[in-house]
């Protein structure tokens, strides 16, 4: 299930404070600037830098 558009509009990357986007194919939130993937568990974004996955 995609995240609420209003929620995505106010969320920022906790590391760089830049814009993030939801990738429906991956099912997570991506910061293109930091190259990090934040998972969404039970429809709740987990925006912890320690738990983010590095993207190639």
Protein backbone atom coordinates (compact mmCIF):
# COMPACT_ATOMS: atom_id res chain seq x y z
CA UNK A 1 0.00 0.00 0.00
CA UNK A 2 1.50 3.36 -0.97
CA UNK A 3 2.11 5.90 1.73
CA UNK A 4 -0.13 8.91 2.17
CA UNK A 5 0.92 11.76 -0.16
CA UNK A 6 0.52 14.36 2.61
CA UNK A 7 2.81 12.34 4.86
CA UNK A 8 5.45 12.09 2.15
CA UNK A 9 5.26 15.85 1.58
CA UNK A 10 6.31 16.58 5.17
CA UNK A 11 8.87 13.80 5.70
CA UNK A 12 12.57 14.51 5.12
CA UNK A 13 15.70 12.41 5.23
CA UNK A 14 16.91 12.25 8.83
CA UNK A 15 20.55 12.30 7.70
CA UNK A 16 20.75 15.14 5.16
CA UNK A 17 17.32 16.78 5.69
CA UNK A 18 16.69 16.54 1.95
CA UNK A 19 13.66 15.36 0.02
CA UNK A 20 12.71 11.71 0.00
CA UNK A 21 10.46 9.66 -2.26
CA UNK A 22 8.46 6.48 -1.91
CA UNK A 23 9.41 3.72 -4.34
CA UNK A 24 6.42 1.43 -4.70
CA UNK A 25 8.44 -1.26 -6.50
CA UNK A 26 10.96 -1.55 -3.65
CA UNK A 27 8.38 -0.75 -1.00
CA UNK A 28 10.53 1.76 0.81
CA UNK A 29 11.49 5.40 1.08
CA UNK A 30 14.57 6.53 -0.82
CA UNK A 31 16.86 9.51 -0.32
CA UNK A 32 18.63 10.01 -3.64
CA UNK A 33 21.13 12.42 -2.10
CA UNK A 34 22.35 10.01 0.61
CA UNK A 35 21.66 6.86 -1.42
CA UNK A 36 19.75 5.34 1.49
CA UNK A 37 16.68 3.13 1.57
CA UNK A 38 14.40 3.43 4.58
CA UNK A 39 12.05 0.48 4.99
CA UNK A 40 8.32 0.73 5.64
CA UNK A 41 7.10 -1.83 8.17
CA UNK A 42 3.37 -2.28 8.81
CA UNK A 43 2.70 0.96 6.87
CA UNK A 44 5.05 2.89 9.20
CA UNK A 45 8.23 4.47 7.77
CA UNK A 46 11.32 3.51 9.76
CA UNK A 47 13.40 6.67 9.39
CA UNK A 48 16.39 5.62 11.47
CA UNK A 49 19.76 6.19 9.81
CA UNK A 50 21.19 3.18 11.69
CA UNK A 51 18.60 0.89 10.09
CA UNK A 52 18.72 2.34 6.58
CA UNK A 53 20.24 0.30 3.76
CA UNK A 54 22.86 1.70 1.41
CA UNK A 55 21.86 1.75 -2.25
CA UNK A 56 24.42 1.10 -4.98
